[in-house]
Amino acid sequence: MQTCKELIERIKDILSTEGLKAPKDMDVAKELKLHPNALAQAKFQNRIPYPNIMDFLQRRQISINLFFYGQSLEEVAKASERYKILKLYTANASAGFGGINERVFCKDLIVDDFLIETMGIKNCNEAIFVVGDSMQELIMDGSIALLDRKDTAIKDGKIYAINSLDGLFIKQCFVKDGVIELHSLNTLYTPLKYDLNEILILGRVRGVINKII
């Protein structure tokens, strides 16, 4: 495990390649946007200022793996091929009466390539939480739906994420005469109907991660 002193010396090496002769701690502090005394204190306490170092690396487009672990770009690329990163949105898509989301955030959802191949979700690039019971037993309340955002051409009987004036839905879709019908798998719910120009297809649901209650 690297110490704060070692990382400071590594940053000095980077600065020296940029033409700065014999970089000193005060030069590192300047690049990390820290007061020299703050850097000296961190060095003494072996407290690594990770956010400042990350910003420093980002500004120079230096690989974090390369800086902290000495991994080559080729090694990083090869390792990343085993995973897919989906954008998981905190918005709720309703399987019932429509999810209204005033504030939406997203974070990365990392999926192993074996799971990608097994579930057939290679083209999925986003995921969204599902609430409600209208799509049970296929999609349970609290599930995560995996979306293919490029597949927006409606095929009758397939399941899509649809945005409407009434909210965001996950439904089985059918189209006829310019009207889209949103069907639930739970027979307690009646179909919803909209003109095609009243809705936006966000993408087709290609897979679901359900939790067991």
N, C-alpha and C. Protein backbone atom coordinates (compact mmCIF):
# COMPACT_ATOMS: atom_id res chain seq x y z
N MET A 1 0.85 -1.20 0.00
CA MET A 1 0.00 0.00 0.00
C MET A 1 0.88 1.24 0.00
N GLN A 2 0.59 2.18 -0.89
CA GLN A 2 1.41 3.37 -1.00
C GLN A 2 1.17 4.31 0.17
N THR A 3 2.23 5.04 0.51
CA THR A 3 2.11 6.06 1.53
C THR A 3 1.88 7.42 0.85
N CYS A 4 1.48 8.39 1.65
CA CYS A 4 1.28 9.73 1.11
C CYS A 4 2.59 10.27 0.55
N LYS A 5 3.69 10.00 1.24
CA LYS A 5 4.99 10.46 0.77
C LYS A 5 5.33 9.88 -0.59
N GLU A 6 5.05 8.58 -0.78
CA GLU A 6 5.35 7.93 -2.06
C GLU A 6 4.53 8.54 -3.20
N LEU A 7 3.27 8.85 -2.92
CA LEU A 7 2.41 9.43 -3.96
C LEU A 7 2.84 10.86 -4.30
N ILE A 8 3.30 11.57 -3.29
CA ILE A 8 3.81 12.92 -3.56
C ILE A 8 5.03 12.85 -4.48
N GLU A 9 5.89 11.88 -4.22
CA GLU A 9 7.07 11.72 -5.07
C GLU A 9 6.68 11.32 -6.49
N ARG A 10 5.61 10.53 -6.61
CA ARG A 10 5.14 10.13 -7.94
C ARG A 10 4.59 11.33 -8.71
N ILE A 11 3.91 12.21 -8.00
CA ILE A 11 3.41 13.43 -8.64
C ILE A 11 4.58 14.31 -9.07
N LYS A 12 5.63 14.35 -8.26
CA LYS A 12 6.82 15.11 -8.65
C LYS A 12 7.41 14.57 -9.94
N ASP A 13 7.41 13.25 -10.09
CA ASP A 13 7.92 12.64 -11.32
C ASP A 13 7.11 13.11 -12.53
N ILE A 14 5.79 13.18 -12.34
CA ILE A 14 4.92 13.64 -13.43
C ILE A 14 5.22 15.09 -13.78
N LEU A 15 5.38 15.92 -12.75
CA LEU A 15 5.66 17.34 -12.98
C LEU A 15 7.01 17.54 -13.66
N SER A 16 7.97 16.68 -13.33
CA SER A 16 9.29 16.81 -13.94
C SER A 16 9.24 16.49 -15.43
N THR A 17 8.34 15.56 -15.82
CA THR A 17 8.21 15.24 -17.25
C THR A 17 7.55 16.37 -18.01
N GLU A 18 6.90 17.28 -17.28
CA GLU A 18 6.23 18.42 -17.91
C GLU A 18 7.15 19.64 -17.98
N GLY A 19 8.42 19.45 -17.58
CA GLY A 19 9.39 20.54 -17.72
C GLY A 19 9.74 21.26 -16.44
N LEU A 20 9.10 20.90 -15.33
CA LEU A 20 9.41 21.54 -14.05
C LEU A 20 10.65 20.87 -13.45
N LYS A 21 11.71 21.64 -13.27
CA LYS A 21 12.96 21.08 -12.76
C LYS A 21 12.92 20.96 -11.24
N ALA A 22 13.31 19.79 -10.76
CA ALA A 22 13.39 19.51 -9.32
C ALA A 22 12.14 19.97 -8.57
N PRO A 23 10.97 19.41 -8.89
CA PRO A 23 9.74 19.82 -8.21
C PRO A 23 9.85 19.61 -6.70
N LYS A 24 9.22 20.50 -5.96
CA LYS A 24 9.23 20.41 -4.51
C LYS A 24 7.81 20.18 -4.00
N ASP A 25 7.70 19.93 -2.70
CA ASP A 25 6.39 19.68 -2.11
C ASP A 25 5.43 20.85 -2.35
N MET A 26 5.97 22.07 -2.34
CA MET A 26 5.10 23.22 -2.56
C MET A 26 4.54 23.23 -3.98
N ASP A 27 5.28 22.67 -4.94
CA ASP A 27 4.78 22.57 -6.31
C ASP A 27 3.64 21.55 -6.38
N VAL A 28 3.83 20.45 -5.64
CA VAL A 28 2.78 19.43 -5.59
C VAL A 28 1.52 20.01 -4.94
N ALA A 29 1.70 20.76 -3.85
CA ALA A 29 0.56 21.37 -3.17
C ALA A 29 -0.20 22.29 -4.11
N LYS A 30 0.52 23.05 -4.91
CA LYS A 30 -0.12 23.96 -5.86
C LYS A 30 -0.95 23.19 -6.87
N GLU A 31 -0.38 22.09 -7.41
CA GLU A 31 -1.09 21.29 -8.40
C GLU A 31 -2.30 20.58 -7.81
N LEU A 32 -2.20 20.23 -6.53
CA LEU A 32 -3.32 19.55 -5.86
C LEU A 32 -4.32 20.54 -5.28
N LYS A 33 -4.02 21.85 -5.47
CA LYS A 33 -4.90 22.91 -4.96
C LYS A 33 -5.05 22.80 -3.43
N LEU A 34 -3.91 22.57 -2.77
CA LEU A 34 -3.84 22.49 -1.32
C LEU A 34 -2.87 23.55 -0.81
N HIS A 35 -3.12 24.03 0.39
CA HIS A 35 -2.15 24.90 1.05
C HIS A 35 -0.92 24.05 1.38
N PRO A 36 0.29 24.56 1.21
CA PRO A 36 1.49 23.78 1.53
C PRO A 36 1.48 23.18 2.93
N ASN A 37 0.94 23.93 3.90
CA ASN A 37 0.87 23.41 5.27
C ASN A 37 -0.08 22.22 5.36
N ALA A 38 -1.17 22.28 4.58
CA ALA A 38 -2.14 21.17 4.58
C ALA A 38 -1.50 19.92 4.00
N LEU A 39 -0.71 20.07 2.94
CA LEU A 39 -0.03 18.92 2.35
C LEU A 39 1.03 18.37 3.31
N ALA A 40 1.75 19.27 3.97
CA ALA A 40 2.76 18.83 4.93
C ALA A 40 2.13 18.04 6.07
N GLN A 41 0.97 18.50 6.52
CA GLN A 41 0.25 17.81 7.59
C GLN A 41 -0.22 16.44 7.13
N ALA A 42 -0.76 16.37 5.90
CA ALA A 42 -1.21 15.09 5.35
C ALA A 42 -0.04 14.13 5.20
N LYS A 43 1.10 14.63 4.77
CA LYS A 43 2.30 13.81 4.62
C LYS A 43 2.77 13.28 5.97
N PHE A 44 2.75 14.13 6.99
CA PHE A 44 3.17 13.74 8.34
C PHE A 44 2.25 12.67 8.91
N GLN A 45 0.95 12.83 8.67
CA GLN A 45 -0.04 11.89 9.22
C GLN A 45 -0.30 10.70 8.30
N ASN A 46 0.38 10.68 7.16
CA ASN A 46 0.16 9.65 6.14
C ASN A 46 -1.33 9.58 5.77
N ARG A 47 -1.91 10.75 5.55
CA ARG A 47 -3.31 10.87 5.17
C ARG A 47 -3.36 11.32 3.71
N ILE A 48 -3.74 10.41 2.82
CA ILE A 48 -3.68 10.67 1.38
C ILE A 48 -4.88 11.52 0.95
N PRO A 49 -4.64 12.67 0.32
CA PRO A 49 -5.74 13.53 -0.15
C PRO A 49 -6.31 13.02 -1.48
N TYR A 50 -7.06 11.93 -1.40
CA TYR A 50 -7.54 11.26 -2.61
C TYR A 50 -8.33 12.17 -3.56
N PRO A 51 -9.30 12.97 -3.08
CA PRO A 51 -10.06 13.81 -4.02
C PRO A 51 -9.16 14.75 -4.83
N ASN A 52 -8.17 15.33 -4.16
CA ASN A 52 -7.26 16.26 -4.85
C ASN A 52 -6.40 15.54 -5.88
N ILE A 53 -5.94 14.33 -5.52
CA ILE A 53 -5.13 13.55 -6.46
C ILE A 53 -5.96 13.11 -7.65
N MET A 54 -7.20 12.70 -7.39
CA MET A 54 -8.09 12.28 -8.48
C MET A 54 -8.32 13.43 -9.46
N ASP A 55 -8.54 14.63 -8.95
CA ASP A 55 -8.74 15.80 -9.81
C ASP A 55 -7.47 16.07 -10.63
N PHE A 56 -6.33 15.94 -9.97
CA PHE A 56 -5.05 16.14 -10.65
C PHE A 56 -4.89 15.17 -11.81
N LEU A 57 -5.23 13.90 -11.57
CA LEU A 57 -5.11 12.87 -12.61
C LEU A 57 -6.12 13.11 -13.74
N GLN A 58 -7.33 13.53 -13.36
CA GLN A 58 -8.36 13.76 -14.37
C GLN A 58 -7.97 14.91 -15.29
N ARG A 59 -7.41 15.96 -14.73
CA ARG A 59 -7.02 17.10 -15.55
C ARG A 59 -5.95 16.72 -16.58
N ARG A 60 -5.12 15.74 -16.21
CA ARG A 60 -4.04 15.32 -17.11
C ARG A 60 -4.39 14.04 -17.87
N GLN A 61 -5.61 13.54 -17.65
CA GLN A 61 -6.08 12.31 -18.31
C GLN A 61 -5.10 11.16 -18.07
N ILE A 62 -4.68 11.03 -16.82
CA ILE A 62 -3.78 9.95 -16.41
C ILE A 62 -4.62 8.85 -15.77
N SER A 63 -4.39 7.62 -16.18
CA SER A 63 -5.14 6.48 -15.65
C SER A 63 -4.92 6.33 -14.14
N ILE A 64 -6.03 6.19 -13.40
CA ILE A 64 -5.94 5.99 -11.95
C ILE A 64 -5.22 4.68 -11.65
N ASN A 65 -5.54 3.64 -12.43
CA ASN A 65 -4.89 2.35 -12.22
C ASN A 65 -3.39 2.44 -12.46
N LEU A 66 -3.03 3.19 -13.49
CA LEU A 66 -1.61 3.34 -13.81
C LEU A 66 -0.89 4.09 -12.70
N PHE A 67 -1.51 5.14 -12.16
CA PHE A 67 -0.88 5.96 -11.13
C PHE A 67 -0.75 5.21 -9.81
N PHE A 68 -1.86 4.61 -9.35
CA PHE A 68 -1.86 3.99 -8.03
C PHE A 68 -1.28 2.58 -8.02
N TYR A 69 -1.50 1.83 -9.12
CA TYR A 69 -1.12 0.42 -9.10
C TYR A 69 -0.11 0.02 -10.15
N GLY A 70 0.26 0.96 -11.00
CA GLY A 70 1.27 0.65 -12.01
C GLY A 70 0.76 -0.20 -13.15
N GLN A 71 -0.58 -0.32 -13.28
CA GLN A 71 -1.14 -1.10 -14.37
C GLN A 71 -1.02 -0.33 -15.68
N SER A 72 -0.67 -1.04 -16.74
CA SER A 72 -0.60 -0.41 -18.05
C SER A 72 -2.00 -0.19 -18.58
N LEU A 73 -2.13 0.70 -19.56
CA LEU A 73 -3.43 0.95 -20.17
C LEU A 73 -3.97 -0.32 -20.83
N GLU A 74 -3.07 -1.14 -21.38
CA GLU A 74 -3.49 -2.40 -22.02
C GLU A 74 -4.09 -3.34 -20.99
N GLU A 75 -3.49 -3.40 -19.80
CA GLU A 75 -4.01 -4.27 -18.74
C GLU A 75 -5.37 -3.79 -18.25
N VAL A 76 -5.51 -2.47 -18.12
CA VAL A 76 -6.79 -1.91 -17.68
C VAL A 76 -7.89 -2.20 -18.70
N ALA A 77 -7.57 -2.02 -19.99
CA ALA A 77 -8.56 -2.26 -21.05
C ALA A 77 -8.98 -3.72 -21.09
N LYS A 78 -8.00 -4.62 -20.93
CA LYS A 78 -8.31 -6.05 -20.98
C LYS A 78 -9.21 -6.45 -19.82
N ALA A 79 -8.92 -5.91 -18.63
CA ALA A 79 -9.75 -6.23 -17.46
C ALA A 79 -11.15 -5.69 -17.61
N SER A 80 -11.28 -4.48 -18.18
CA SER A 80 -12.60 -3.86 -18.30
C SER A 80 -13.50 -4.58 -19.29
N GLU A 81 -12.92 -5.40 -20.17
CA GLU A 81 -13.72 -6.14 -21.13
C GLU A 81 -14.59 -7.19 -20.45
N ARG A 82 -14.26 -7.54 -19.22
CA ARG A 82 -15.03 -8.56 -18.50
C ARG A 82 -16.27 -7.98 -17.84
N TYR A 83 -16.47 -6.68 -17.96
CA TYR A 83 -17.59 -6.04 -17.27
C TYR A 83 -18.30 -5.05 -18.20
N LYS A 84 -19.53 -4.76 -17.83
CA LYS A 84 -20.30 -3.73 -18.52
C LYS A 84 -20.85 -2.80 -17.46
N ILE A 85 -20.78 -1.52 -17.70
CA ILE A 85 -21.29 -0.54 -16.74
C ILE A 85 -22.61 0.03 -17.25
N LEU A 86 -23.67 -0.19 -16.50
CA LEU A 86 -24.97 0.35 -16.84
C LEU A 86 -25.24 1.58 -15.97
N LYS A 87 -25.97 2.54 -16.50
CA LYS A 87 -26.40 3.69 -15.72
C LYS A 87 -27.70 3.34 -15.02
N LEU A 88 -27.63 3.25 -13.69
CA LEU A 88 -28.81 2.90 -12.89
C LEU A 88 -29.45 4.18 -12.37
N TYR A 89 -30.68 4.45 -12.82
CA TYR A 89 -31.37 5.67 -12.44
C TYR A 89 -32.23 5.45 -11.20
N THR A 90 -32.19 6.42 -10.30
CA THR A 90 -32.96 6.31 -9.07
C THR A 90 -34.44 6.62 -9.30
N ALA A 91 -34.79 7.06 -10.51
CA ALA A 91 -36.19 7.29 -10.84
C ALA A 91 -36.95 5.96 -10.77
N ASN A 92 -38.23 6.04 -10.46
CA ASN A 92 -39.07 4.84 -10.38
C ASN A 92 -39.98 4.75 -11.60
N ALA A 93 -39.91 3.62 -12.30
CA ALA A 93 -40.86 3.35 -13.37
C ALA A 93 -41.96 2.51 -12.77
N SER A 94 -43.19 2.97 -12.88
CA SER A 94 -44.29 2.28 -12.23
C SER A 94 -44.81 1.13 -13.08
N ALA A 95 -45.03 -0.01 -12.41
CA ALA A 95 -45.71 -1.11 -13.06
C ALA A 95 -47.21 -0.99 -12.81
N GLY A 96 -47.61 0.10 -12.13
CA GLY A 96 -49.02 0.27 -11.80
C GLY A 96 -49.61 1.52 -12.41
N PHE A 97 -49.64 2.61 -11.63
CA PHE A 97 -50.37 3.80 -12.06
C PHE A 97 -49.47 4.94 -12.51
N GLY A 98 -48.22 4.71 -12.70
CA GLY A 98 -47.34 5.76 -13.22
C GLY A 98 -46.44 6.35 -12.15
N GLY A 99 -45.14 6.37 -12.43
CA GLY A 99 -44.19 6.91 -11.47
C GLY A 99 -43.85 8.34 -11.81
N ILE A 100 -44.09 9.25 -10.88
CA ILE A 100 -43.74 10.66 -11.07
C ILE A 100 -42.43 10.91 -10.34
N ASN A 101 -41.42 11.41 -11.07
CA ASN A 101 -40.10 11.59 -10.49
C ASN A 101 -39.65 13.03 -10.66
N GLU A 102 -39.60 13.75 -9.54
CA GLU A 102 -39.21 15.15 -9.60
C GLU A 102 -37.69 15.31 -9.65
N ARG A 103 -36.98 14.43 -8.98
CA ARG A 103 -35.52 14.51 -8.97
C ARG A 103 -34.95 13.14 -9.34
N VAL A 104 -34.06 13.13 -10.32
CA VAL A 104 -33.51 11.88 -10.82
C VAL A 104 -31.99 11.92 -10.71
N PHE A 105 -31.44 10.86 -10.13
CA PHE A 105 -30.00 10.72 -10.04
C PHE A 105 -29.61 9.39 -10.68
N CYS A 106 -28.34 9.22 -10.97
CA CYS A 106 -27.91 7.94 -11.51
C CYS A 106 -26.55 7.57 -10.94
N LYS A 107 -26.28 6.27 -10.92
CA LYS A 107 -24.99 5.76 -10.49
C LYS A 107 -24.65 4.56 -11.36
N ASP A 108 -23.42 4.12 -11.26
CA ASP A 108 -22.97 3.02 -12.11
C ASP A 108 -23.37 1.67 -11.52
N LEU A 109 -23.86 0.79 -12.38
CA LEU A 109 -24.17 -0.58 -12.02
C LEU A 109 -23.25 -1.48 -12.85
N ILE A 110 -22.31 -2.15 -12.19
CA ILE A 110 -21.32 -2.97 -12.89
C ILE A 110 -21.82 -4.41 -12.99
N VAL A 111 -21.86 -4.93 -14.21
CA VAL A 111 -22.39 -6.27 -14.45
C VAL A 111 -21.31 -7.13 -15.11
N ASP A 112 -21.13 -8.33 -14.59
CA ASP A 112 -20.13 -9.26 -15.12
C ASP A 112 -20.53 -9.76 -16.51
N ASP A 113 -19.53 -10.03 -17.36
CA ASP A 113 -19.82 -10.42 -18.74
C ASP A 113 -20.55 -11.76 -18.84
N PHE A 114 -20.33 -12.67 -17.87
CA PHE A 114 -21.05 -13.96 -17.88
C PHE A 114 -22.54 -13.71 -17.69
N LEU A 115 -22.88 -12.81 -16.79
CA LEU A 115 -24.29 -12.47 -16.56
C LEU A 115 -24.89 -11.78 -17.77
N ILE A 116 -24.10 -10.93 -18.41
CA ILE A 116 -24.55 -10.25 -19.63
C ILE A 116 -24.90 -11.26 -20.71
N GLU A 117 -24.01 -12.23 -20.91
CA GLU A 117 -24.22 -13.25 -21.94
C GLU A 117 -25.41 -14.13 -21.58
N THR A 118 -25.51 -14.52 -20.32
CA THR A 118 -26.58 -15.42 -19.88
C THR A 118 -27.95 -14.77 -20.02
N MET A 119 -28.04 -13.50 -19.66
CA MET A 119 -29.32 -12.80 -19.68
C MET A 119 -29.63 -12.18 -21.04
N GLY A 120 -28.65 -12.16 -21.94
CA GLY A 120 -28.88 -11.58 -23.26
C GLY A 120 -29.10 -10.08 -23.22
N ILE A 121 -28.32 -9.40 -22.40
CA ILE A 121 -28.53 -7.96 -22.21
C ILE A 121 -27.34 -7.15 -22.74
N LYS A 122 -26.68 -7.69 -23.76
CA LYS A 122 -25.50 -7.03 -24.31
C LYS A 122 -25.79 -5.60 -24.76
N ASN A 123 -26.97 -5.36 -25.29
CA ASN A 123 -27.30 -4.04 -25.82
C ASN A 123 -27.90 -3.09 -24.78
N CYS A 124 -28.05 -3.57 -23.55
CA CYS A 124 -28.61 -2.72 -22.50
C CYS A 124 -27.55 -1.76 -21.98
N ASN A 125 -27.92 -0.51 -21.81
CA ASN A 125 -26.97 0.47 -21.29
C ASN A 125 -27.53 1.30 -20.13
N GLU A 126 -28.79 1.03 -19.77
CA GLU A 126 -29.38 1.74 -18.66
C GLU A 126 -30.27 0.80 -17.86
N ALA A 127 -30.50 1.16 -16.60
CA ALA A 127 -31.36 0.38 -15.73
C ALA A 127 -32.20 1.33 -14.89
N ILE A 128 -33.35 0.84 -14.45
CA ILE A 128 -34.26 1.72 -13.70
C ILE A 128 -35.05 0.89 -12.69
N PHE A 129 -35.35 1.46 -11.54
CA PHE A 129 -36.13 0.76 -10.53
C PHE A 129 -37.60 0.68 -10.95
N VAL A 130 -38.25 -0.41 -10.55
CA VAL A 130 -39.66 -0.62 -10.86
C VAL A 130 -40.45 -0.71 -9.55
N VAL A 131 -41.59 -0.02 -9.51
CA VAL A 131 -42.47 -0.09 -8.33
C VAL A 131 -43.85 -0.55 -8.77
N GLY A 132 -44.54 -1.24 -7.87
CA GLY A 132 -45.89 -1.69 -8.17
C GLY A 132 -45.96 -3.17 -8.52
N ASP A 133 -47.20 -3.68 -8.57
CA ASP A 133 -47.39 -5.12 -8.76
C ASP A 133 -48.12 -5.47 -10.05
N SER A 134 -48.30 -4.52 -10.95
CA SER A 134 -49.12 -4.80 -12.14
C SER A 134 -48.42 -5.71 -13.15
N MET A 135 -47.08 -5.86 -13.04
CA MET A 135 -46.37 -6.73 -13.98
C MET A 135 -45.92 -8.03 -13.34
N GLN A 136 -46.42 -8.30 -12.13
CA GLN A 136 -46.14 -9.59 -11.51
C GLN A 136 -46.87 -10.68 -12.29
N GLU A 137 -46.35 -11.88 -12.39
CA GLU A 137 -45.22 -12.43 -11.67
C GLU A 137 -43.89 -12.29 -12.43
N LEU A 138 -43.88 -11.60 -13.52
CA LEU A 138 -42.65 -11.47 -14.30
C LEU A 138 -41.74 -10.41 -13.72
N ILE A 139 -42.30 -9.25 -13.39
CA ILE A 139 -41.51 -8.15 -12.84
C ILE A 139 -42.10 -7.79 -11.48
N MET A 140 -41.32 -7.99 -10.45
CA MET A 140 -41.81 -7.79 -9.09
C MET A 140 -41.58 -6.36 -8.63
N ASP A 141 -42.35 -5.95 -7.64
CA ASP A 141 -42.17 -4.65 -7.02
C ASP A 141 -40.75 -4.56 -6.44
N GLY A 142 -40.03 -3.47 -6.76
CA GLY A 142 -38.67 -3.31 -6.26
C GLY A 142 -37.60 -3.87 -7.18
N SER A 143 -38.01 -4.36 -8.36
CA SER A 143 -37.05 -4.93 -9.30
C SER A 143 -36.24 -3.83 -10.00
N ILE A 144 -35.20 -4.27 -10.69
CA ILE A 144 -34.43 -3.37 -11.55
C ILE A 144 -34.61 -3.84 -12.99
N ALA A 145 -35.17 -2.98 -13.83
CA ALA A 145 -35.38 -3.31 -15.24
C ALA A 145 -34.17 -2.83 -16.04
N LEU A 146 -33.69 -3.69 -16.94
CA LEU A 146 -32.53 -3.40 -17.77
C LEU A 146 -33.01 -2.98 -19.16
N LEU A 147 -32.65 -1.77 -19.58
CA LEU A 147 -33.21 -1.17 -20.79
C LEU A 147 -32.23 -1.14 -21.95
N ASP A 148 -32.76 -1.47 -23.12
CA ASP A 148 -32.05 -1.24 -24.38
C ASP A 148 -32.62 0.04 -24.96
N ARG A 149 -31.90 1.16 -24.79
CA ARG A 149 -32.43 2.46 -25.19
C ARG A 149 -32.50 2.62 -26.71
N LYS A 150 -31.80 1.77 -27.45
CA LYS A 150 -31.81 1.88 -28.91
C LYS A 150 -33.01 1.16 -29.52
N ASP A 151 -33.65 0.29 -28.76
CA ASP A 151 -34.78 -0.48 -29.27
C ASP A 151 -36.08 0.23 -28.88
N THR A 152 -36.52 1.16 -29.72
CA THR A 152 -37.73 1.93 -29.42
C THR A 152 -38.85 1.69 -30.43
N ALA A 153 -38.59 0.81 -31.40
CA ALA A 153 -39.63 0.45 -32.36
C ALA A 153 -40.52 -0.61 -31.72
N ILE A 154 -41.77 -0.25 -31.46
CA ILE A 154 -42.64 -1.12 -30.68
C ILE A 154 -42.99 -2.40 -31.43
N LYS A 155 -42.76 -3.52 -30.77
CA LYS A 155 -43.17 -4.83 -31.26
C LYS A 155 -44.29 -5.31 -30.33
N ASP A 156 -45.43 -5.62 -30.92
CA ASP A 156 -46.58 -6.02 -30.10
C ASP A 156 -46.23 -7.15 -29.14
N GLY A 157 -46.62 -6.95 -27.88
CA GLY A 157 -46.42 -7.98 -26.87
C GLY A 157 -45.12 -7.86 -26.11
N LYS A 158 -44.21 -6.98 -26.54
CA LYS A 158 -42.94 -6.80 -25.84
C LYS A 158 -43.11 -5.73 -24.76
N ILE A 159 -42.18 -5.72 -23.82
CA ILE A 159 -42.28 -4.84 -22.66
C ILE A 159 -41.32 -3.65 -22.81
N TYR A 160 -41.83 -2.46 -22.57
CA TYR A 160 -41.06 -1.24 -22.76
C TYR A 160 -41.20 -0.31 -21.55
N ALA A 161 -40.26 0.61 -21.44
CA ALA A 161 -40.38 1.73 -20.51
C ALA A 161 -40.95 2.90 -21.29
N ILE A 162 -42.06 3.45 -20.82
CA ILE A 162 -42.78 4.49 -21.55
C ILE A 162 -42.98 5.70 -20.65
N ASN A 163 -42.65 6.85 -21.18
CA ASN A 163 -42.90 8.10 -20.45
C ASN A 163 -44.17 8.75 -21.00
N SER A 164 -45.04 9.16 -20.10
CA SER A 164 -46.30 9.77 -20.51
C SER A 164 -46.61 10.95 -19.60
N LEU A 165 -47.69 11.66 -19.89
CA LEU A 165 -48.11 12.77 -19.04
C LEU A 165 -48.53 12.27 -17.65
N ASP A 166 -48.87 10.98 -17.56
CA ASP A 166 -49.30 10.40 -16.29
C ASP A 166 -48.15 9.77 -15.52
N GLY A 167 -46.95 9.81 -16.09
CA GLY A 167 -45.81 9.25 -15.38
C GLY A 167 -45.04 8.26 -16.23
N LEU A 168 -44.11 7.59 -15.59
CA LEU A 168 -43.22 6.63 -16.24
C LEU A 168 -43.71 5.22 -15.95
N PHE A 169 -43.93 4.43 -17.02
CA PHE A 169 -44.49 3.08 -16.89
C PHE A 169 -43.53 2.02 -17.43
N ILE A 170 -43.67 0.82 -16.88
CA ILE A 170 -43.11 -0.40 -17.48
C ILE A 170 -44.31 -1.26 -17.85
N LYS A 171 -44.56 -1.46 -19.15
CA LYS A 171 -45.77 -2.16 -19.57
C LYS A 171 -45.53 -2.99 -20.84
N GLN A 172 -46.40 -3.96 -21.04
CA GLN A 172 -46.46 -4.71 -22.29
C GLN A 172 -47.24 -3.86 -23.29
N CYS A 173 -46.68 -3.68 -24.47
CA CYS A 173 -47.24 -2.70 -25.41
C CYS A 173 -47.83 -3.33 -26.66
N PHE A 174 -48.92 -2.71 -27.12
CA PHE A 174 -49.57 -3.08 -28.38
C PHE A 174 -49.96 -1.78 -29.09
N VAL A 175 -49.79 -1.76 -30.42
CA VAL A 175 -50.10 -0.55 -31.19
C VAL A 175 -51.11 -0.88 -32.28
N LYS A 176 -52.12 0.00 -32.40
CA LYS A 176 -53.11 -0.16 -33.46
C LYS A 176 -53.72 1.20 -33.79
N ASP A 177 -53.70 1.55 -35.07
CA ASP A 177 -54.33 2.78 -35.56
C ASP A 177 -53.85 4.03 -34.82
N GLY A 178 -52.53 4.12 -34.60
CA GLY A 178 -51.98 5.31 -33.96
C GLY A 178 -52.19 5.39 -32.47
N VAL A 179 -52.69 4.32 -31.88
CA VAL A 179 -52.93 4.29 -30.43
C VAL A 179 -52.10 3.18 -29.81
N ILE A 180 -51.47 3.46 -28.68
CA ILE A 180 -50.71 2.44 -27.97
C ILE A 180 -51.48 2.01 -26.73
N GLU A 181 -51.58 0.70 -26.54
CA GLU A 181 -52.22 0.15 -25.35
C GLU A 181 -51.13 -0.41 -24.44
N LEU A 182 -51.19 0.00 -23.18
CA LEU A 182 -50.24 -0.47 -22.18
C LEU A 182 -50.93 -1.52 -21.32
N HIS A 183 -50.47 -2.75 -21.46
CA HIS A 183 -51.12 -3.87 -20.77
C HIS A 183 -50.30 -4.29 -19.54
N SER A 184 -51.01 -4.66 -18.49
CA SER A 184 -50.39 -5.23 -17.30
C SER A 184 -50.50 -6.75 -17.36
N LEU A 185 -49.57 -7.43 -16.72
CA LEU A 185 -49.64 -8.89 -16.64
C LEU A 185 -50.56 -9.31 -15.49
N ASN A 186 -50.74 -8.43 -14.54
CA ASN A 186 -51.67 -8.65 -13.44
C ASN A 186 -53.07 -8.27 -13.93
N THR A 187 -53.97 -9.24 -13.98
CA THR A 187 -55.30 -9.03 -14.57
C THR A 187 -56.18 -8.07 -13.77
N LEU A 188 -55.74 -7.66 -12.59
CA LEU A 188 -56.51 -6.71 -11.80
C LEU A 188 -56.43 -5.30 -12.40
N TYR A 189 -55.46 -5.09 -13.29
CA TYR A 189 -55.27 -3.78 -13.89
C TYR A 189 -55.83 -3.76 -15.31
N THR A 190 -56.54 -2.69 -15.64
CA THR A 190 -57.08 -2.53 -16.99
C THR A 190 -56.05 -1.83 -17.88
N PRO A 191 -56.08 -2.08 -19.19
CA PRO A 191 -55.11 -1.45 -20.10
C PRO A 191 -55.26 0.07 -20.12
N LEU A 192 -54.15 0.73 -20.39
CA LEU A 192 -54.13 2.18 -20.55
C LEU A 192 -53.94 2.49 -22.02
N LYS A 193 -54.57 3.55 -22.51
CA LYS A 193 -54.48 3.90 -23.93
C LYS A 193 -54.01 5.34 -24.10
N TYR A 194 -53.09 5.52 -25.07
CA TYR A 194 -52.58 6.85 -25.40
C TYR A 194 -52.39 6.96 -26.91
N ASP A 195 -52.54 8.15 -27.42
CA ASP A 195 -52.10 8.40 -28.78
C ASP A 195 -50.57 8.31 -28.81
N LEU A 196 -50.03 7.86 -29.91
CA LEU A 196 -48.58 7.68 -29.99
C LEU A 196 -47.83 9.00 -29.78
N ASN A 197 -48.44 10.11 -30.19
CA ASN A 197 -47.76 11.39 -30.01
C ASN A 197 -47.84 11.92 -28.58
N GLU A 198 -48.49 11.16 -27.69
CA GLU A 198 -48.59 11.57 -26.29
C GLU A 198 -47.58 10.86 -25.39
N ILE A 199 -46.81 9.94 -25.95
CA ILE A 199 -45.88 9.15 -25.14
C ILE A 199 -44.48 9.16 -25.76
N LEU A 200 -43.53 8.75 -24.95
CA LEU A 200 -42.15 8.60 -25.43
C LEU A 200 -41.64 7.24 -24.99
N ILE A 201 -41.21 6.43 -25.97
CA ILE A 201 -40.65 5.11 -25.66
C ILE A 201 -39.19 5.29 -25.25
N LEU A 202 -38.87 4.97 -24.01
CA LEU A 202 -37.49 5.12 -23.53
C LEU A 202 -36.61 3.95 -23.93
N GLY A 203 -37.21 2.78 -24.10
CA GLY A 203 -36.43 1.61 -24.49
C GLY A 203 -37.14 0.33 -24.13
N ARG A 204 -36.65 -0.75 -24.69
CA ARG A 204 -37.24 -2.06 -24.43
C ARG A 204 -36.60 -2.71 -23.22
N VAL A 205 -37.40 -3.32 -22.38
CA VAL A 205 -36.91 -4.05 -21.22
C VAL A 205 -36.40 -5.41 -21.68
N ARG A 206 -35.11 -5.63 -21.56
CA ARG A 206 -34.48 -6.86 -22.03
C ARG A 206 -34.21 -7.85 -20.90
N GLY A 207 -34.21 -7.36 -19.69
CA GLY A 207 -33.95 -8.23 -18.57
C GLY A 207 -34.40 -7.56 -17.28
N VAL A 208 -34.53 -8.37 -16.25
CA VAL A 208 -35.00 -7.87 -14.95
C VAL A 208 -34.21 -8.55 -13.85
N ILE A 209 -33.82 -7.75 -12.87
CA ILE A 209 -33.21 -8.29 -11.65
C ILE A 209 -34.26 -8.20 -10.55
N ASN A 210 -34.81 -9.35 -10.20
CA ASN A 210 -35.85 -9.39 -9.18
C ASN A 210 -35.26 -9.77 -7.81
N LYS A 211 -35.87 -9.24 -6.76
CA LYS A 211 -35.50 -9.70 -5.42
C LYS A 211 -36.58 -10.67 -4.92
N ILE A 212 -36.15 -11.62 -4.13
CA ILE A 212 -37.10 -12.59 -3.56
C ILE A 212 -37.59 -12.07 -2.23
N ILE A 213 -38.90 -11.92 -2.14
CA ILE A 213 -39.51 -11.38 -0.91
C ILE A 213 -39.81 -12.51 0.06
